[in-house]
C-alpha atoms as a PDB file:
ATOM      1  CA  MET A   1     123.085  35.518  63.455  1.00  0.00           C
ATOM      2  CA  ALA A   2     124.371  35.980  67.004  1.00  0.00           C
ATOM      3  CA  SER A   3     122.169  37.840  69.430  1.00  0.00           C
ATOM      4  CA  ILE A   4     123.562  40.439  71.773  1.00  0.00           C
ATOM      5  CA  ASP A   5     123.358  39.424  75.406  1.00  0.00           C
ATOM      6  CA  SER A   6     121.129  41.949  77.242  1.00  0.00           C
ATOM      7  CA  SER A   7     123.615  42.281  80.133  1.00  0.00           C
ATOM      8  CA  ALA A   8     126.432  43.054  77.654  1.00  0.00           C
ATOM      9  CA  ARG A   9     124.213  45.670  75.988  1.00  0.00           C
ATOM     10  CA  GLN A  10     123.395  47.188  79.402  1.00  0.00           C
ATOM     11  CA  ASN A  11     127.099  47.247  80.354  1.00  0.00           C
ATOM     12  CA  ARG A  12     127.940  48.987  77.083  1.00  0.00           C
ATOM     13  CA  GLN A  13     125.172  51.559  77.631  1.00  0.00           C
ATOM     14  CA  THR A  14     126.348  52.149  81.203  1.00  0.00           C
ATOM     15  CA  ALA A  15     129.950  52.548  80.069  1.00  0.00           C
ATOM     16  CA  GLU A  16     128.884  55.092  77.448  1.00  0.00           C
ATOM     17  CA  HIS A  17     127.037  57.164  80.055  1.00  0.00           C
ATOM     18  CA  ALA A  18     129.218  59.367  82.238  1.00  0.00           C
ATOM     19  CA  PRO A  19     128.298  58.402  85.820  1.00  0.00           C
ATOM     20  CA  ALA A  20     127.830  61.060  88.458  1.00  0.00           C
ATOM     21  CA  PRO A  21     129.985  61.087  91.575  1.00  0.00           C
ATOM     22  CA  LYS A  22     128.436  58.990  94.314  1.00  0.00           C
ATOM     23  CA  GLN A  23     130.122  60.814  97.176  1.00  0.00           C
ATOM     24  CA  GLU A  24     130.501  64.392  98.228  1.00  0.00           C
ATOM     25  CA  LEU A  25     132.947  66.283  96.058  1.00  0.00           C
ATOM     26  CA  PRO A  26     135.725  68.189  97.811  1.00  0.00           C
ATOM     27  CA  ILE A  27     134.529  71.723  98.503  1.00  0.00           C
ATOM     28  CA  ASP A  28     136.597  74.521  97.035  1.00  0.00           C
ATOM     29  CA  PRO A  29     137.291  77.160  99.744  1.00  0.00           C
ATOM     30  CA  ALA A  30     136.585  79.935  97.207  1.00  0.00           C
ATOM     31  CA  GLU A  31     133.185  78.345  96.518  1.00  0.00           C
ATOM     32  CA  LEU A  32     132.466  78.282 100.260  1.00  0.00           C
ATOM     33  CA  GLU A  33     133.319  81.971 100.539  1.00  0.00           C
ATOM     34  CA  SER A  34     131.093  82.823  97.558  1.00  0.00           C
ATOM     35  CA  ILE A  35     128.188  80.870  99.044  1.00  0.00           C
ATOM     36  CA  ALA A  36     128.662  82.541 102.447  1.00  0.00           C
ATOM     37  CA  ALA A  37     128.710  85.979 100.794  1.00  0.00           C
ATOM     38  CA  THR A  38     125.608  85.112  98.786  1.00  0.00           C
ATOM     39  CA  ARG A  39     123.835  83.908 101.937  1.00  0.00           C
ATOM     40  CA  ALA A  40     124.663  87.205 103.654  1.00  0.00           C
ATOM     41  CA  SER A  41     123.246  89.151 100.680  1.00  0.00           C
ATOM     42  CA  LEU A  42     119.883  87.340 100.761  1.00  0.00           C
ATOM     43  CA  THR A  43     117.536  89.707 102.534  1.00  0.00           C
ATOM     44  CA  GLU A  44     114.181  88.491 101.246  1.00  0.00           C
ATOM     45  CA  PRO A  45     112.657  85.619 103.297  1.00  0.00           C
ATOM     46  CA  GLY A  46     112.303  82.374 101.370  1.00  0.00           C
ATOM     47  CA  GLU A  47     114.101  79.337 100.023  1.00  0.00           C
ATOM     48  CA  TYR A  48     116.939  79.429  97.516  1.00  0.00           C
ATOM     49  CA  LEU A  49     119.244  77.120  95.584  1.00  0.00           C
ATOM     50  CA  VAL A  50     122.858  78.297  95.296  1.00  0.00           C
ATOM     51  CA  PHE A  51     125.348  76.541  93.014  1.00  0.00           C
ATOM     52  CA  VAL A  52     128.265  77.089  90.669  1.00  0.00           C
ATOM     53  CA  GLU A  53     127.707  76.596  86.955  1.00  0.00           C
ATOM     54  CA  ALA A  54     130.275  77.482  84.291  1.00  0.00           C
ATOM     55  CA  ASP A  55     132.438  79.225  86.909  1.00  0.00           C
ATOM     56  CA  ALA A  56     129.576  81.539  87.899  1.00  0.00           C
ATOM     57  CA  LEU A  57     127.576  81.434  91.109  1.00  0.00           C
ATOM     58  CA  ARG A  58     123.836  81.068  90.446  1.00  0.00           C
ATOM     59  CA  VAL A  59     121.027  81.814  92.867  1.00  0.00           C
ATOM     60  CA  VAL A  60     117.556  80.428  92.168  1.00  0.00           C
ATOM     61  CA  VAL A  61     114.565  81.576  94.226  1.00  0.00           C
ATOM     62  CA  LEU A  62     112.155  78.720  95.015  1.00  0.00           C
ATOM     63  CA  SER A  63     108.892  80.651  94.848  1.00  0.00           C
ATOM     64  CA  GLY A  64     106.500  77.994  93.529  1.00  0.00           C
ATOM     65  CA  ASP A  65     105.025  74.838  95.052  1.00  0.00           C
ATOM     66  CA  TRP A  66     107.455  72.680  93.080  1.00  0.00           C
ATOM     67  CA  THR A  67     110.653  73.084  91.090  1.00  0.00           C
ATOM     68  CA  ARG A  68     111.836  70.674  88.381  1.00  0.00           C
ATOM     69  CA  ILE A  69     115.575  70.039  88.050  1.00  0.00           C
ATOM     70  CA  GLY A  70     116.995  68.260  85.002  1.00  0.00           C
ATOM     71  CA  ARG A  71     118.439  68.382  81.524  1.00  0.00           C
ATOM     72  CA  SER A  72     115.079  68.920  79.803  1.00  0.00           C
ATOM     73  CA  THR A  73     114.225  72.312  78.372  1.00  0.00           C
ATOM     74  CA  ALA A  74     111.040  72.081  80.472  1.00  0.00           C
ATOM     75  CA  ALA A  75     113.067  72.004  83.722  1.00  0.00           C
ATOM     76  CA  ASP A  76     112.940  75.063  85.972  1.00  0.00           C
ATOM     77  CA  VAL A  77     116.615  74.553  86.847  1.00  0.00           C
ATOM     78  CA  ARG A  78     118.339  73.184  83.740  1.00  0.00           C
ATOM     79  CA  PHE A  79     121.783  71.590  83.537  1.00  0.00           C
ATOM     80  CA  ASP A  80     123.014  70.748  80.036  1.00  0.00           C
ATOM     81  CA  ASP A  81     125.194  67.852  81.196  1.00  0.00           C
ATOM     82  CA  PRO A  82     125.080  64.092  80.430  1.00  0.00           C
ATOM     83  CA  THR A  83     125.295  63.207  84.158  1.00  0.00           C
ATOM     84  CA  VAL A  84     121.900  64.879  84.678  1.00  0.00           C
ATOM     85  CA  SER A  85     118.723  63.095  83.577  1.00  0.00           C
ATOM     86  CA  ARG A  86     116.064  64.961  81.613  1.00  0.00           C
ATOM     87  CA  ARG A  87     113.797  64.661  84.647  1.00  0.00           C
ATOM     88  CA  HIS A  88     116.279  64.316  87.498  1.00  0.00           C
ATOM     89  CA  ALA A  89     114.743  65.737  90.678  1.00  0.00           C
ATOM     90  CA  LEU A  90     111.890  67.742  92.140  1.00  0.00           C
ATOM     91  CA  ILE A  91     111.807  70.122  95.068  1.00  0.00           C
ATOM     92  CA  VAL A  92     108.316  70.231  96.540  1.00  0.00           C
ATOM     93  CA  ARG A  93     106.937  72.686  99.088  1.00  0.00           C
ATOM     94  CA  GLU A  94     104.893  70.797 101.699  1.00  0.00           C
ATOM     95  CA  PRO A  95     103.240  72.007 104.914  1.00  0.00           C
ATOM     96  CA  ASP A  96     106.126  70.601 106.977  1.00  0.00           C
ATOM     97  CA  GLY A  97     108.903  72.039 104.760  1.00  0.00           C
ATOM     98  CA  MET A  98     110.735  71.596 101.479  1.00  0.00           C
ATOM     99  CA  LYS A  99     111.271  68.052 100.175  1.00  0.00           C
ATOM    100  CA  LEU A 100     113.848  66.851  97.631  1.00  0.00           C
ATOM    101  CA  LEU A 101     112.664  63.927  95.479  1.00  0.00           C
ATOM    102  CA  ASP A 102     114.554  61.819  92.964  1.00  0.00           C
ATOM    103  CA  ASP A 103     112.457  61.823  89.769  1.00  0.00           C
ATOM    104  CA  ARG A 104     113.563  58.323  88.632  1.00  0.00           C
ATOM    105  CA  SER A 105     116.969  59.628  87.538  1.00  0.00           C
ATOM    106  CA  LEU A 106     119.659  57.301  86.232  1.00  0.00           C
ATOM    107  CA  ASN A 107     122.498  58.670  88.389  1.00  0.00           C
ATOM    108  CA  GLY A 108     120.454  59.480  91.479  1.00  0.00           C
ATOM    109  CA  VAL A 109     120.320  62.321  93.972  1.00  0.00           C
ATOM    110  CA  PHE A 110     122.809  62.259  96.853  1.00  0.00           C
ATOM    111  CA  VAL A 111     122.716  63.879 100.285  1.00  0.00           C
ATOM    112  CA  ASP A 112     125.727  63.317 102.553  1.00  0.00           C
ATOM    113  CA  GLY A 113     127.037  60.643 100.162  1.00  0.00           C
ATOM    114  CA  GLU A 114     123.803  58.610 100.358  1.00  0.00           C
ATOM    115  CA  ARG A 115     121.419  58.123  97.463  1.00  0.00           C
ATOM    116  CA  ILE A 116     117.941  59.335  98.408  1.00  0.00           C
ATOM    117  CA  GLU A 117     114.442  58.913  97.010  1.00  0.00           C
ATOM    118  CA  ARG A 118     112.832  61.539  99.278  1.00  0.00           C
ATOM    119  CA  HIS A 119     114.547  63.879 101.717  1.00  0.00           C
ATOM    120  CA  GLY A 120     113.447  66.826 103.882  1.00  0.00           C
ATOM    121  CA  LEU A 121     115.736  69.787 103.177  1.00  0.00           C
ATOM    122  CA  SER A 122     117.235  71.921 105.952  1.00  0.00           C
ATOM    123  CA  ASP A 123     118.933  75.280 105.716  1.00  0.00           C
ATOM    124  CA  GLY A 124     122.575  74.939 104.662  1.00  0.00           C
ATOM    125  CA  GLU A 125     122.237  71.403 103.322  1.00  0.00           C
ATOM    126  CA  CYS A 126     124.032  70.360 100.108  1.00  0.00           C
ATOM    127  CA  PHE A 127     122.988  67.728  97.608  1.00  0.00           C
ATOM    128  CA  LEU A 128     124.459  66.331  94.399  1.00  0.00           C
ATOM    129  CA  ILE A 129     122.683  66.125  91.073  1.00  0.00           C
ATOM    130  CA  GLY A 130     125.015  64.773  88.431  1.00  0.00           C
ATOM    131  CA  ARG A 131     128.252  66.723  88.775  1.00  0.00           C
ATOM    132  CA  TYR A 132     126.576  69.692  90.470  1.00  0.00           C
ATOM    133  CA  ARG A 133     126.717  70.476  94.189  1.00  0.00           C
ATOM    134  CA  ILE A 134     123.593  72.434  95.062  1.00  0.00           C
ATOM    135  CA  ASN A 135     123.205  74.309  98.350  1.00  0.00           C
ATOM    136  CA  PHE A 136     119.771  74.808  99.894  1.00  0.00           C
ATOM    137  CA  VAL A 137     119.407  78.117 101.735  1.00  0.00           C
ATOM    138  CA  SER A 138     116.360  79.079 103.764  1.00  0.00           C
ATOM    139  CA  VAL A 139     116.091  82.666 104.970  1.00  0.00           C
ATOM    140  CA  ALA A 140     113.633  82.941 107.842  1.00  0.00           C
ATOM    141  CA  VAL A 141     111.270  85.886 108.201  1.00  0.00           C
ATOM    142  CA  GLN A 142     112.878  86.857 111.516  1.00  0.00           C
ATOM    143  CA  ALA A 143     116.404  86.807 110.044  1.00  0.00           C
ATOM    144  CA  ALA A 144     115.509  88.753 106.931  1.00  0.00           C
ATOM    145  CA  THR A 145     115.706  92.505 106.697  1.00  0.00           C
ATOM    146  CA  ALA A 146     113.994  94.779 104.224  1.00  0.00           C
ATOM    147  CA  GLY A 147     115.402  94.409 100.718  1.00  0.00           C
ATOM    148  CA  ASP A 148     115.263  92.462  97.521  1.00  0.00           C
ATOM    149  CA  SER A 149     116.752  89.263  96.203  1.00  0.00           C
ATOM    150  CA  PRO A 150     120.185  89.570  94.610  1.00  0.00           C
ATOM    151  CA  PRO A 151     119.895  91.156  91.165  1.00  0.00           C
ATOM    152  CA  ASP A 152     120.987  87.965  89.371  1.00  0.00           C
ATOM    153  CA  ALA A 153     118.571  85.652  91.249  1.00  0.00           C
ATOM    154  CA  LEU A 154     116.199  83.649  89.066  1.00  0.00           C
ATOM    155  CA  ARG A 155     112.607  83.103  90.218  1.00  0.00           C
ATOM    156  CA  VAL A 156     111.115  79.683  89.515  1.00  0.00           C
END
């Protein structure tokens, strides 16, 4: 009985898995306009994730000390997509700011086309998780005016 070479098995498994893009995707001008409008509507100070999913713009409020991103039903931000690992990434609030961490994902987390393990997030920065471009928005206390989060914002 012939044994299957482990590298052949790994190549077959890799070929069966849909790899995520390793570089920045071209930005749709309509998406940029939607994100800019969403940014302008954010009046409550804090950190947010803004992204397009199923042709709808989603806003997620980062209110906790950490936020799980992945395909798992236990994830705070869940993407039902094979390019996203069950436990793909974490966003952690630290004294010196928000940090993006790769949670041992298969396809990685990319910032500016580079795969990262740990990255300090800045306002306006984009990162890729699977096929999703996620925008990090930080609204400072000084810049915020009285008001609430957008009505469709999700708190995590």
